[in-house]
């Protein structure tokens, strides 16, 4: 069992809040959508496999645009056997959820993609850019890099949105050893999947990421008649800490946030990764989160503490969000928590 304690000795009280809602408009229909967008590759894992991946990807992108313009289902517009077997079934479900919740299309007729060989023999295709059909505060946020994962047989089993390329490069450059670099690549991959799960409203995936003893810190603004929470930890802005269990947090996502929003678009920026001072397999991740949805938009600072003891199944011990830094410019970080494994 993992014991996690929030260290309040610094006399800093975070203003923590879960997302609440304010109206945000729906997207408008695209003016020009290519009928058959293409991705080409300058190199790859061999001519025959590269050609297979290229053909499969182009079929997916054409089906995306056809379903978008003709208001038909994605699957009925596929012409190739791309989602075969157990991997394919999982990939189809993941891709459909992402497409249904975060509606997008391909606006470029021709793009140049990149194929990466993964350590387990699978392939990851990057540099495919799509445009979201939503209204967002920043126009640049409409364009997202789509990452597609394929098994050695060319079956598509995963789809997610990428982190900014410049931050991806910086995270790897900050590594101190080969093992650290490998873990950092895992963390980037994990963060991309984690934030895309919110875009897909994949509550089951999100629930599986949290430890049963996870510490989820949110907050509520104090009202004079509010007697439901402890009176400790009151900041000058009159906020109180609310510690949620994993089940409480997941229940709110499932029954309120995901139900009330037609679409959700979550982005991570300014990512900083720090090793735990005592546990080599534990990392603290600070990032800036931008949240857009059909009824609400906000931004703030998110902290995650993730354990990679089992590298096939990372576990989140802590999730904490705050709308702005403390008075001295700092934010919640790994030093504010005492972890006992």
C-alpha atoms as a PDB file:
ATOM      1  CA  UNK A   1       0.000   0.000   0.000  1.00  0.00           C
ATOM      2  CA  UNK A   2       1.252   3.469  -0.867  1.00  0.00           C
ATOM      3  CA  UNK A   3       0.850   6.281   1.668  1.00  0.00           C
ATOM      4  CA  UNK A   4       0.852   9.816   0.298  1.00  0.00           C
ATOM      5  CA  UNK A   5       0.757  12.919   2.439  1.00  0.00           C
ATOM      6  CA  UNK A   6       0.485  16.522   1.318  1.00  0.00           C
ATOM      7  CA  UNK A   7       3.215  18.563   3.015  1.00  0.00           C
ATOM      8  CA  UNK A   8       1.737  21.852   4.213  1.00  0.00           C
ATOM      9  CA  UNK A   9       4.806  23.028   6.138  1.00  0.00           C
ATOM     10  CA  UNK A  10       5.672  25.634   3.511  1.00  0.00           C
ATOM     11  CA  UNK A  11       2.549  27.594   4.449  1.00  0.00           C
ATOM     12  CA  UNK A  12       1.421  27.570   0.841  1.00  0.00           C
ATOM     13  CA  UNK A  13      -2.190  26.869   0.108  1.00  0.00           C
ATOM     14  CA  UNK A  14      -3.036  25.895  -3.452  1.00  0.00           C
ATOM     15  CA  UNK A  15      -6.157  27.097  -5.147  1.00  0.00           C
ATOM     16  CA  UNK A  16      -7.257  23.783  -6.565  1.00  0.00           C
ATOM     17  CA  UNK A  17     -10.369  23.276  -8.622  1.00  0.00           C
ATOM     18  CA  UNK A  18     -11.976  20.755 -10.867  1.00  0.00           C
ATOM     19  CA  UNK A  19     -13.397  22.007 -14.109  1.00  0.00           C
ATOM     20  CA  UNK A  20     -16.813  23.715 -13.908  1.00  0.00           C
ATOM     21  CA  UNK A  21     -18.737  24.951 -16.839  1.00  0.00           C
ATOM     22  CA  UNK A  22     -19.461  28.093 -18.845  1.00  0.00           C
ATOM     23  CA  UNK A  23     -20.864  28.192 -22.365  1.00  0.00           C
ATOM     24  CA  UNK A  24     -18.589  27.643 -25.351  1.00  0.00           C
ATOM     25  CA  UNK A  25     -19.929  27.452 -28.906  1.00  0.00           C
ATOM     26  CA  UNK A  26     -19.831  24.576 -31.358  1.00  0.00           C
ATOM     27  CA  UNK A  27     -17.549  24.449 -34.345  1.00  0.00           C
ATOM     28  CA  UNK A  28     -18.559  25.370 -37.854  1.00  0.00           C
ATOM     29  CA  UNK A  29     -18.482  23.150 -40.893  1.00  0.00           C
ATOM     30  CA  UNK A  30     -15.217  23.253 -42.806  1.00  0.00           C
ATOM     31  CA  UNK A  31     -15.216  25.184 -46.064  1.00  0.00           C
ATOM     32  CA  UNK A  32     -12.834  22.883 -47.941  1.00  0.00           C
ATOM     33  CA  UNK A  33     -12.127  19.240 -47.145  1.00  0.00           C
ATOM     34  CA  UNK A  34      -9.936  17.183 -49.521  1.00  0.00           C
ATOM     35  CA  UNK A  35     -11.682  14.073 -50.778  1.00  0.00           C
ATOM     36  CA  UNK A  36      -8.620  11.817 -50.609  1.00  0.00           C
ATOM     37  CA  UNK A  37      -5.845  13.297 -48.417  1.00  0.00           C
ATOM     38  CA  UNK A  38      -2.485  11.533 -48.613  1.00  0.00           C
ATOM     39  CA  UNK A  39       0.468  10.925 -46.329  1.00  0.00           C
ATOM     40  CA  UNK A  40       3.792   9.996 -47.918  1.00  0.00           C
ATOM     41  CA  UNK A  41       7.015   8.800 -46.287  1.00  0.00           C
ATOM     42  CA  UNK A  42      10.586   9.556 -47.325  1.00  0.00           C
ATOM     43  CA  UNK A  43      11.874   6.528 -45.408  1.00  0.00           C
ATOM     44  CA  UNK A  44      10.573   3.679 -43.309  1.00  0.00           C
ATOM     45  CA  UNK A  45      11.084   0.101 -42.099  1.00  0.00           C
ATOM     46  CA  UNK A  46      11.432  -1.417 -45.571  1.00  0.00           C
ATOM     47  CA  UNK A  47       9.708  -0.724 -48.861  1.00  0.00           C
ATOM     48  CA  UNK A  48       6.857  -3.265 -48.569  1.00  0.00           C
ATOM     49  CA  UNK A  49       5.911  -2.436 -44.963  1.00  0.00           C
ATOM     50  CA  UNK A  50       6.236   1.300 -45.551  1.00  0.00           C
ATOM     51  CA  UNK A  51       3.909   0.982 -48.546  1.00  0.00           C
ATOM     52  CA  UNK A  52       1.427  -1.057 -46.457  1.00  0.00           C
ATOM     53  CA  UNK A  53       1.409   1.547 -43.674  1.00  0.00           C
ATOM     54  CA  UNK A  54       1.039   4.358 -46.186  1.00  0.00           C
ATOM     55  CA  UNK A  55      -1.899   2.690 -47.929  1.00  0.00           C
ATOM     56  CA  UNK A  56      -3.603   1.897 -44.621  1.00  0.00           C
ATOM     57  CA  UNK A  57      -3.159   5.417 -43.294  1.00  0.00           C
ATOM     58  CA  UNK A  58      -4.438   7.014 -46.481  1.00  0.00           C
ATOM     59  CA  UNK A  59      -7.517   4.803 -46.367  1.00  0.00           C
ATOM     60  CA  UNK A  60      -8.166   5.912 -42.771  1.00  0.00           C
ATOM     61  CA  UNK A  61      -7.764   9.600 -43.618  1.00  0.00           C
ATOM     62  CA  UNK A  62     -10.010   9.337 -46.684  1.00  0.00           C
ATOM     63  CA  UNK A  63     -12.666   7.612 -44.540  1.00  0.00           C
ATOM     64  CA  UNK A  64     -12.346  10.410 -41.957  1.00  0.00           C
ATOM     65  CA  UNK A  65     -13.000  13.124 -44.539  1.00  0.00           C
ATOM     66  CA  UNK A  66     -15.758  11.208 -46.312  1.00  0.00           C
ATOM     67  CA  UNK A  67     -17.606  10.563 -43.061  1.00  0.00           C
ATOM     68  CA  UNK A  68     -17.162  14.238 -42.162  1.00  0.00           C
ATOM     69  CA  UNK A  69     -18.476  15.708 -45.416  1.00  0.00           C
ATOM     70  CA  UNK A  70     -21.220  13.154 -46.031  1.00  0.00           C
ATOM     71  CA  UNK A  71     -22.253  12.752 -42.366  1.00  0.00           C
ATOM     72  CA  UNK A  72     -21.817   8.976 -42.567  1.00  0.00           C
ATOM     73  CA  UNK A  73     -20.108   6.494 -40.256  1.00  0.00           C
ATOM     74  CA  UNK A  74     -16.340   6.193 -40.329  1.00  0.00           C
ATOM     75  CA  UNK A  75     -16.348   2.402 -40.686  1.00  0.00           C
ATOM     76  CA  UNK A  76     -18.565   2.227 -43.773  1.00  0.00           C
ATOM     77  CA  UNK A  77     -16.104   4.419 -45.685  1.00  0.00           C
ATOM     78  CA  UNK A  78     -13.096   2.155 -45.096  1.00  0.00           C
ATOM     79  CA  UNK A  79     -11.999   0.020 -48.047  1.00  0.00           C
ATOM     80  CA  UNK A  80      -9.044  -1.831 -46.507  1.00  0.00           C
ATOM     81  CA  UNK A  81      -8.786  -4.434 -43.717  1.00  0.00           C
ATOM     82  CA  UNK A  82      -7.086  -2.191 -41.160  1.00  0.00           C
ATOM     83  CA  UNK A  83      -8.749  -3.202 -37.889  1.00  0.00           C
ATOM     84  CA  UNK A  84      -8.368  -6.979 -37.869  1.00  0.00           C
ATOM     85  CA  UNK A  85      -7.917  -9.146 -34.772  1.00  0.00           C
ATOM     86  CA  UNK A  86      -7.811  -8.113 -31.115  1.00  0.00           C
ATOM     87  CA  UNK A  87      -5.460  -5.182 -31.780  1.00  0.00           C
ATOM     88  CA  UNK A  88      -7.673  -3.970 -34.596  1.00  0.00           C
ATOM     89  CA  UNK A  89     -10.866  -4.172 -32.563  1.00  0.00           C
ATOM     90  CA  UNK A  90      -9.277  -2.100 -29.805  1.00  0.00           C
ATOM     91  CA  UNK A  91      -7.890   0.382 -32.340  1.00  0.00           C
ATOM     92  CA  UNK A  92     -11.225   0.817 -34.095  1.00  0.00           C
ATOM     93  CA  UNK A  93     -12.987   1.537 -30.823  1.00  0.00           C
ATOM     94  CA  UNK A  94     -10.304   4.013 -29.751  1.00  0.00           C
ATOM     95  CA  UNK A  95     -10.274   5.797 -33.125  1.00  0.00           C
ATOM     96  CA  UNK A  96     -14.080   5.970 -33.305  1.00  0.00           C
ATOM     97  CA  UNK A  97     -14.326   7.422 -29.786  1.00  0.00           C
ATOM     98  CA  UNK A  98     -11.731  10.066 -30.598  1.00  0.00           C
ATOM     99  CA  UNK A  99     -13.459  10.970 -33.862  1.00  0.00           C
ATOM    100  CA  UNK A 100     -16.943  11.055 -32.336  1.00  0.00           C
ATOM    101  CA  UNK A 101     -16.060  13.220 -29.337  1.00  0.00           C
ATOM    102  CA  UNK A 102     -13.378  15.453 -30.849  1.00  0.00           C
ATOM    103  CA  UNK A 103     -14.690  15.851 -34.385  1.00  0.00           C
ATOM    104  CA  UNK A 104     -11.854  16.444 -36.867  1.00  0.00           C
ATOM    105  CA  UNK A 105     -10.932  16.247 -40.538  1.00  0.00           C
ATOM    106  CA  UNK A 106      -7.786  16.442 -42.700  1.00  0.00           C
ATOM    107  CA  UNK A 107      -7.373  19.847 -44.327  1.00  0.00           C
ATOM    108  CA  UNK A 108      -4.093  19.229 -46.206  1.00  0.00           C
ATOM    109  CA  UNK A 109      -4.144  17.260 -49.455  1.00  0.00           C
ATOM    110  CA  UNK A 110      -0.586  15.912 -49.035  1.00  0.00           C
ATOM    111  CA  UNK A 111       1.534  15.550 -45.893  1.00  0.00           C
ATOM    112  CA  UNK A 112       4.911  13.975 -45.145  1.00  0.00           C
ATOM    113  CA  UNK A 113       4.729  11.545 -42.232  1.00  0.00           C
ATOM    114  CA  UNK A 114       7.380   9.952 -40.024  1.00  0.00           C
ATOM    115  CA  UNK A 115       7.540   6.274 -39.010  1.00  0.00           C
ATOM    116  CA  UNK A 116       9.188   5.281 -35.717  1.00  0.00           C
ATOM    117  CA  UNK A 117      10.220   1.720 -34.838  1.00  0.00           C
ATOM    118  CA  UNK A 118       9.151   0.951 -31.279  1.00  0.00           C
ATOM    119  CA  UNK A 119      11.166  -1.268 -28.954  1.00  0.00           C
ATOM    120  CA  UNK A 120       8.417  -3.943 -28.926  1.00  0.00           C
ATOM    121  CA  UNK A 121       8.371  -4.269 -32.728  1.00  0.00           C
ATOM    122  CA  UNK A 122       5.364  -2.042 -33.328  1.00  0.00           C
ATOM    123  CA  UNK A 123       5.333   1.163 -35.370  1.00  0.00           C
ATOM    124  CA  UNK A 124       4.265   4.685 -34.547  1.00  0.00           C
ATOM    125  CA  UNK A 125       3.406   7.200 -37.263  1.00  0.00           C
ATOM    126  CA  UNK A 126       3.717  10.909 -36.477  1.00  0.00           C
ATOM    127  CA  UNK A 127       3.479  14.228 -38.323  1.00  0.00           C
ATOM    128  CA  UNK A 128      -0.107  13.695 -39.477  1.00  0.00           C
ATOM    129  CA  UNK A 129      -2.014  16.921 -38.877  1.00  0.00           C
ATOM    130  CA  UNK A 130      -5.775  17.228 -38.578  1.00  0.00           C
ATOM    131  CA  UNK A 131      -8.096  20.156 -37.877  1.00  0.00           C
ATOM    132  CA  UNK A 132     -10.688  20.145 -35.114  1.00  0.00           C
ATOM    133  CA  UNK A 133     -14.216  21.216 -36.019  1.00  0.00           C
ATOM    134  CA  UNK A 134     -14.700  23.202 -32.812  1.00  0.00           C
ATOM    135  CA  UNK A 135     -14.583  26.789 -31.637  1.00  0.00           C
ATOM    136  CA  UNK A 136     -11.477  27.393 -29.511  1.00  0.00           C
ATOM    137  CA  UNK A 137      -9.979  30.490 -27.914  1.00  0.00           C
ATOM    138  CA  UNK A 138      -6.729  30.182 -29.894  1.00  0.00           C
ATOM    139  CA  UNK A 139      -7.022  29.431 -33.594  1.00  0.00           C
ATOM    140  CA  UNK A 140      -3.760  27.463 -33.548  1.00  0.00           C
ATOM    141  CA  UNK A 141      -5.337  24.969 -31.139  1.00  0.00           C
ATOM    142  CA  UNK A 142      -7.597  23.727 -33.937  1.00  0.00           C
ATOM    143  CA  UNK A 143      -4.633  21.983 -35.599  1.00  0.00           C
ATOM    144  CA  UNK A 144      -3.549  18.799 -33.833  1.00  0.00           C
ATOM    145  CA  UNK A 145      -0.878  16.239 -34.631  1.00  0.00           C
ATOM    146  CA  UNK A 146      -2.451  12.791 -34.875  1.00  0.00           C
ATOM    147  CA  UNK A 147      -0.330   9.782 -33.872  1.00  0.00           C
ATOM    148  CA  UNK A 148      -1.294   6.336 -35.174  1.00  0.00           C
ATOM    149  CA  UNK A 149       0.058   3.073 -33.705  1.00  0.00           C
ATOM    150  CA  UNK A 150       0.385  -0.107 -35.791  1.00  0.00           C
ATOM    151  CA  UNK A 151       1.371  -3.669 -34.939  1.00  0.00           C
ATOM    152  CA  UNK A 152       3.948  -5.535 -37.090  1.00  0.00           C
ATOM    153  CA  UNK A 153       1.151  -6.743 -39.416  1.00  0.00           C
ATOM    154  CA  UNK A 154       0.064  -3.170 -40.151  1.00  0.00           C
ATOM    155  CA  UNK A 155      -3.136  -3.293 -38.062  1.00  0.00           C
ATOM    156  CA  UNK A 156      -4.022   0.044 -36.463  1.00  0.00           C
ATOM    157  CA  UNK A 157      -4.444  -0.396 -32.704  1.00  0.00           C
ATOM    158  CA  UNK A 158      -4.082   3.123 -31.286  1.00  0.00           C
ATOM    159  CA  UNK A 159      -4.759   6.798 -32.014  1.00  0.00           C
ATOM    160  CA  UNK A 160      -3.937   9.865 -29.945  1.00  0.00           C
ATOM    161  CA  UNK A 161      -3.013  13.530 -30.230  1.00  0.00           C
ATOM    162  CA  UNK A 162       0.655  14.489 -29.826  1.00  0.00           C
ATOM    163  CA  UNK A 163       2.406  16.885 -27.483  1.00  0.00           C
ATOM    164  CA  UNK A 164       4.163  19.878 -29.095  1.00  0.00           C
ATOM    165  CA  UNK A 165       7.272  18.669 -30.963  1.00  0.00           C
ATOM    166  CA  UNK A 166       9.616  21.247 -29.431  1.00  0.00           C
ATOM    167  CA  UNK A 167       8.665  20.147 -25.920  1.00  0.00           C
ATOM    168  CA  UNK A 168       9.027  16.489 -26.906  1.00  0.00           C
ATOM    169  CA  UNK A 169      12.613  17.171 -28.020  1.00  0.00           C
ATOM    170  CA  UNK A 170      13.449  19.164 -24.877  1.00  0.00           C
ATOM    171  CA  UNK A 171      12.138  16.432 -22.565  1.00  0.00           C
ATOM    172  CA  UNK A 172      14.480  13.889 -24.167  1.00  0.00           C
ATOM    173  CA  UNK A 173      17.421  16.325 -24.118  1.00  0.00           C
ATOM    174  CA  UNK A 174      17.009  16.677 -20.340  1.00  0.00           C
ATOM    175  CA  UNK A 175      17.617  12.956 -19.753  1.00  0.00           C
ATOM    176  CA  UNK A 176      20.671  11.946 -17.700  1.00  0.00           C
ATOM    177  CA  UNK A 177      21.066   8.324 -18.761  1.00  0.00           C
ATOM    178  CA  UNK A 178      19.825   5.832 -21.327  1.00  0.00           C
ATOM    179  CA  UNK A 179      17.334   4.468 -18.783  1.00  0.00           C
ATOM    180  CA  UNK A 180      16.166   7.979 -17.947  1.00  0.00           C
ATOM    181  CA  UNK A 181      15.728   8.792 -21.647  1.00  0.00           C
ATOM    182  CA  UNK A 182      13.721   5.587 -22.153  1.00  0.00           C
ATOM    183  CA  UNK A 183      11.488   6.459 -19.186  1.00  0.00           C
ATOM    184  CA  UNK A 184      11.017  10.003 -20.466  1.00  0.00           C
ATOM    185  CA  UNK A 185       9.926   8.661 -23.859  1.00  0.00           C
ATOM    186  CA  UNK A 186       7.469   6.419 -22.017  1.00  0.00           C
ATOM    187  CA  UNK A 187       6.184   9.410 -20.064  1.00  0.00           C
ATOM    188  CA  UNK A 188       5.655  11.471 -23.228  1.00  0.00           C
ATOM    189  CA  UNK A 189       3.788   8.560 -24.809  1.00  0.00           C
ATOM    190  CA  UNK A 190       1.785   8.129 -21.624  1.00  0.00           C
ATOM    191  CA  UNK A 191       0.880  11.828 -21.349  1.00  0.00           C
ATOM    192  CA  UNK A 192      -0.297  11.829 -24.965  1.00  0.00           C
ATOM    193  CA  UNK A 193      -2.538   8.824 -24.287  1.00  0.00           C
ATOM    194  CA  UNK A 194      -3.734  10.235 -20.965  1.00  0.00           C
ATOM    195  CA  UNK A 195      -4.836  13.613 -22.304  1.00  0.00           C
ATOM    196  CA  UNK A 196      -6.371  12.032 -25.423  1.00  0.00           C
ATOM    197  CA  UNK A 197      -8.462   9.805 -23.125  1.00  0.00           C
ATOM    198  CA  UNK A 198     -10.221  12.974 -21.924  1.00  0.00           C
ATOM    199  CA  UNK A 199     -10.789  13.984 -25.558  1.00  0.00           C
ATOM    200  CA  UNK A 200     -12.366  10.547 -26.151  1.00  0.00           C
ATOM    201  CA  UNK A 201     -14.298  10.627 -22.841  1.00  0.00           C
ATOM    202  CA  UNK A 202     -12.692   7.265 -22.116  1.00  0.00           C
ATOM    203  CA  UNK A 203     -13.536   7.075 -18.420  1.00  0.00           C
ATOM    204  CA  UNK A 204     -12.489   3.416 -18.138  1.00  0.00           C
ATOM    205  CA  UNK A 205      -8.951   4.163 -19.350  1.00  0.00           C
ATOM    206  CA  UNK A 206      -8.654   7.155 -17.010  1.00  0.00           C
ATOM    207  CA  UNK A 207      -9.851   5.118 -14.025  1.00  0.00           C
ATOM    208  CA  UNK A 208      -7.282   2.407 -14.718  1.00  0.00           C
ATOM    209  CA  UNK A 209      -4.439   4.953 -14.500  1.00  0.00           C
ATOM    210  CA  UNK A 210      -5.037   5.906 -10.869  1.00  0.00           C
ATOM    211  CA  UNK A 211      -3.878   3.998  -7.813  1.00  0.00           C
ATOM    212  CA  UNK A 212      -6.680   2.869  -5.519  1.00  0.00           C
ATOM    213  CA  UNK A 213      -5.061   5.107  -2.885  1.00  0.00           C
ATOM    214  CA  UNK A 214      -4.581   8.034  -5.283  1.00  0.00           C
ATOM    215  CA  UNK A 215      -4.586  11.518  -3.770  1.00  0.00           C
ATOM    216  CA  UNK A 216      -6.707  13.789  -5.972  1.00  0.00           C
ATOM    217  CA  UNK A 217      -6.726  17.361  -4.736  1.00  0.00           C
ATOM    218  CA  UNK A 218      -9.439  19.691  -5.878  1.00  0.00           C
ATOM    219  CA  UNK A 219     -10.967  22.699  -4.197  1.00  0.00           C
ATOM    220  CA  UNK A 220     -14.058  24.712  -3.479  1.00  0.00           C
ATOM    221  CA  UNK A 221     -14.581  28.391  -2.835  1.00  0.00           C
ATOM    222  CA  UNK A 222     -15.603  29.018   0.787  1.00  0.00           C
ATOM    223  CA  UNK A 223     -19.107  30.317   1.421  1.00  0.00           C
ATOM    224  CA  UNK A 224     -20.100  31.815   4.815  1.00  0.00           C
ATOM    225  CA  UNK A 225     -22.738  29.122   5.339  1.00  0.00           C
ATOM    226  CA  UNK A 226     -20.599  26.241   4.155  1.00  0.00           C
ATOM    227  CA  UNK A 227     -20.151  23.712   6.981  1.00  0.00           C
ATOM    228  CA  UNK A 228     -19.380  20.669   4.835  1.00  0.00           C
ATOM    229  CA  UNK A 229     -15.588  20.944   4.793  1.00  0.00           C
ATOM    230  CA  UNK A 230     -12.819  21.314   7.318  1.00  0.00           C
ATOM    231  CA  UNK A 231     -11.910  24.908   8.174  1.00  0.00           C
ATOM    232  CA  UNK A 232      -8.176  24.315   7.785  1.00  0.00           C
ATOM    233  CA  UNK A 233      -6.089  25.276   4.757  1.00  0.00           C
ATOM    234  CA  UNK A 234      -7.905  28.513   3.941  1.00  0.00           C
ATOM    235  CA  UNK A 235      -6.079  30.807   1.536  1.00  0.00           C
ATOM    236  CA  UNK A 236      -6.440  34.541   1.169  1.00  0.00           C
ATOM    237  CA  UNK A 237      -8.691  33.871  -1.821  1.00  0.00           C
ATOM    238  CA  UNK A 238     -10.945  31.831   0.528  1.00  0.00           C
ATOM    239  CA  UNK A 239     -10.573  28.415  -1.046  1.00  0.00           C
ATOM    240  CA  UNK A 240     -10.514  25.114   0.843  1.00  0.00           C
ATOM    241  CA  UNK A 241      -8.863  21.854  -0.031  1.00  0.00           C
ATOM    242  CA  UNK A 242     -11.082  18.971  -1.035  1.00  0.00           C
ATOM    243  CA  UNK A 243      -9.372  15.604  -1.167  1.00  0.00           C
ATOM    244  CA  UNK A 244     -11.155  13.223  -3.507  1.00  0.00           C
ATOM    245  CA  UNK A 245     -10.795   9.485  -3.818  1.00  0.00           C
ATOM    246  CA  UNK A 246     -10.322   7.883  -7.203  1.00  0.00           C
ATOM    247  CA  UNK A 247     -13.925   6.663  -7.190  1.00  0.00           C
ATOM    248  CA  UNK A 248     -15.281  10.131  -6.363  1.00  0.00           C
ATOM    249  CA  UNK A 249     -13.235  11.745  -9.119  1.00  0.00           C
ATOM    250  CA  UNK A 250     -14.190   9.131 -11.713  1.00  0.00           C
ATOM    251  CA  UNK A 251     -17.864   9.349 -10.749  1.00  0.00           C
ATOM    252  CA  UNK A 252     -17.863  13.090 -11.408  1.00  0.00           C
ATOM    253  CA  UNK A 253     -16.144  12.645 -14.754  1.00  0.00           C
ATOM    254  CA  UNK A 254     -18.617   9.950 -15.816  1.00  0.00           C
ATOM    255  CA  UNK A 255     -21.861  11.370 -14.467  1.00  0.00           C
ATOM    256  CA  UNK A 256     -21.321  15.108 -14.861  1.00  0.00           C
ATOM    257  CA  UNK A 257     -18.379  16.369 -16.920  1.00  0.00           C
ATOM    258  CA  UNK A 258     -18.453  13.856 -19.767  1.00  0.00           C
ATOM    259  CA  UNK A 259     -22.256  13.824 -19.978  1.00  0.00           C
ATOM    260  CA  UNK A 260     -22.578  17.611 -20.090  1.00  0.00           C
ATOM    261  CA  UNK A 261     -20.050  18.159 -22.880  1.00  0.00           C
ATOM    262  CA  UNK A 262     -20.566  17.320 -26.530  1.00  0.00           C
ATOM    263  CA  UNK A 263     -16.821  17.637 -27.153  1.00  0.00           C
ATOM    264  CA  UNK A 264     -13.703  17.974 -24.998  1.00  0.00           C
ATOM    265  CA  UNK A 265     -10.255  19.105 -26.109  1.00  0.00           C
ATOM    266  CA  UNK A 266      -7.434  18.905 -23.551  1.00  0.00           C
ATOM    267  CA  UNK A 267      -3.888  20.098 -24.292  1.00  0.00           C
ATOM    268  CA  UNK A 268      -0.658  19.897 -22.284  1.00  0.00           C
ATOM    269  CA  UNK A 269       2.092  22.521 -22.573  1.00  0.00           C
ATOM    270  CA  UNK A 270       5.290  23.522 -20.719  1.00  0.00           C
ATOM    271  CA  UNK A 271       5.944  20.006 -19.454  1.00  0.00           C
ATOM    272  CA  UNK A 272       8.637  19.515 -16.819  1.00  0.00           C
ATOM    273  CA  UNK A 273       9.639  16.028 -15.629  1.00  0.00           C
ATOM    274  CA  UNK A 274      11.513  15.446 -12.347  1.00  0.00           C
ATOM    275  CA  UNK A 275      12.656  12.213 -10.725  1.00  0.00           C
ATOM    276  CA  UNK A 276      11.595  11.493  -7.151  1.00  0.00           C
ATOM    277  CA  UNK A 277      14.546  12.124  -4.790  1.00  0.00           C
ATOM    278  CA  UNK A 278      14.305   8.626  -3.209  1.00  0.00           C
ATOM    279  CA  UNK A 279      12.447   6.407  -5.680  1.00  0.00           C
ATOM    280  CA  UNK A 280      14.096   6.078  -9.109  1.00  0.00           C
ATOM    281  CA  UNK A 281      10.889   4.736 -10.680  1.00  0.00           C
ATOM    282  CA  UNK A 282       8.687   7.632  -9.524  1.00  0.00           C
ATOM    283  CA  UNK A 283       8.421  10.889 -11.477  1.00  0.00           C
ATOM    284  CA  UNK A 284       6.773  14.208 -10.823  1.00  0.00           C
ATOM    285  CA  UNK A 285       5.282  15.932 -13.855  1.00  0.00           C
ATOM    286  CA  UNK A 286       4.359  19.603 -13.925  1.00  0.00           C
ATOM    287  CA  UNK A 287       2.549  20.981 -16.938  1.00  0.00           C
ATOM    288  CA  UNK A 288       0.199  23.703 -18.100  1.00  0.00           C
ATOM    289  CA  UNK A 289      -3.233  22.361 -19.041  1.00  0.00           C
ATOM    290  CA  UNK A 290      -5.619  23.995 -21.489  1.00  0.00           C
ATOM    291  CA  UNK A 291      -9.193  22.712 -21.360  1.00  0.00           C
ATOM    292  CA  UNK A 292     -11.776  23.464 -24.042  1.00  0.00           C
ATOM    293  CA  UNK A 293     -15.211  21.883 -24.155  1.00  0.00           C
ATOM    294  CA  UNK A 294     -18.651  22.579 -25.544  1.00  0.00           C
ATOM    295  CA  UNK A 295     -19.725  24.393 -22.367  1.00  0.00           C
ATOM    296  CA  UNK A 296     -16.519  25.463 -20.625  1.00  0.00           C
ATOM    297  CA  UNK A 297     -12.953  26.664 -21.147  1.00  0.00           C
ATOM    298  CA  UNK A 298     -10.134  27.164 -18.649  1.00  0.00           C
ATOM    299  CA  UNK A 299      -6.384  26.786 -18.132  1.00  0.00           C
ATOM    300  CA  UNK A 300      -4.196  26.049 -15.153  1.00  0.00           C
ATOM    301  CA  UNK A 301      -1.254  24.155 -13.676  1.00  0.00           C
ATOM    302  CA  UNK A 302      -1.478  20.390 -13.344  1.00  0.00           C
ATOM    303  CA  UNK A 303       0.784  18.156 -11.254  1.00  0.00           C
ATOM    304  CA  UNK A 304       0.968  14.367 -11.602  1.00  0.00           C
ATOM    305  CA  UNK A 305       3.032  11.876  -9.599  1.00  0.00           C
ATOM    306  CA  UNK A 306       3.471   8.651 -11.588  1.00  0.00           C
ATOM    307  CA  UNK A 307       5.101   5.353 -10.557  1.00  0.00           C
ATOM    308  CA  UNK A 308       6.849   3.308 -13.284  1.00  0.00           C
ATOM    309  CA  UNK A 309       7.748   0.299 -11.119  1.00  0.00           C
ATOM    310  CA  UNK A 310       5.684  -1.750 -13.567  1.00  0.00           C
ATOM    311  CA  UNK A 311       6.639  -0.113 -16.855  1.00  0.00           C
ATOM    312  CA  UNK A 312       3.748  -1.810 -18.658  1.00  0.00           C
ATOM    313  CA  UNK A 313       1.226  -0.240 -16.284  1.00  0.00           C
ATOM    314  CA  UNK A 314       2.159   3.177 -14.844  1.00  0.00           C
ATOM    315  CA  UNK A 315       0.179   4.275 -11.797  1.00  0.00           C
ATOM    316  CA  UNK A 316      -0.809   7.819 -10.849  1.00  0.00           C
ATOM    317  CA  UNK A 317      -0.486   8.537  -7.119  1.00  0.00           C
ATOM    318  CA  UNK A 318      -1.276  12.254  -7.179  1.00  0.00           C
ATOM    319  CA  UNK A 319      -3.281  14.582  -9.421  1.00  0.00           C
ATOM    320  CA  UNK A 320      -3.537  18.269  -8.408  1.00  0.00           C
ATOM    321  CA  UNK A 321      -4.707  21.273 -10.419  1.00  0.00           C
ATOM    322  CA  UNK A 322      -4.399  24.975  -9.610  1.00  0.00           C
ATOM    323  CA  UNK A 323      -5.527  27.974 -11.718  1.00  0.00           C
ATOM    324  CA  UNK A 324      -2.431  30.104 -11.030  1.00  0.00           C
ATOM    325  CA  UNK A 325       0.978  29.905  -9.286  1.00  0.00           C
ATOM    326  CA  UNK A 326       1.556  30.804  -5.650  1.00  0.00           C
ATOM    327  CA  UNK A 327       2.564  34.345  -4.761  1.00  0.00           C
ATOM    328  CA  UNK A 328       6.274  33.491  -5.155  1.00  0.00           C
ATOM    329  CA  UNK A 329       5.702  32.073  -8.647  1.00  0.00           C
ATOM    330  CA  UNK A 330       5.994  28.400  -7.675  1.00  0.00           C
ATOM    331  CA  UNK A 331       3.407  25.653  -8.173  1.00  0.00           C
ATOM    332  CA  UNK A 332       2.581  22.334  -6.533  1.00  0.00           C
ATOM    333  CA  UNK A 333       5.482  19.950  -7.148  1.00  0.00           C
ATOM    334  CA  UNK A 334       6.901  16.631  -6.052  1.00  0.00           C
ATOM    335  CA  UNK A 335       8.662  18.123  -2.993  1.00  0.00           C
ATOM    336  CA  UNK A 336       5.291  18.945  -1.389  1.00  0.00           C
ATOM    337  CA  UNK A 337       4.363  15.257  -1.015  1.00  0.00           C
ATOM    338  CA  UNK A 338       5.756  12.554   1.248  1.00  0.00           C
ATOM    339  CA  UNK A 339       5.571   9.166  -0.491  1.00  0.00           C
ATOM    340  CA  UNK A 340       6.054   5.962   1.520  1.00  0.00           C
ATOM    341  CA  UNK A 341       6.289   2.763  -0.564  1.00  0.00           C
END
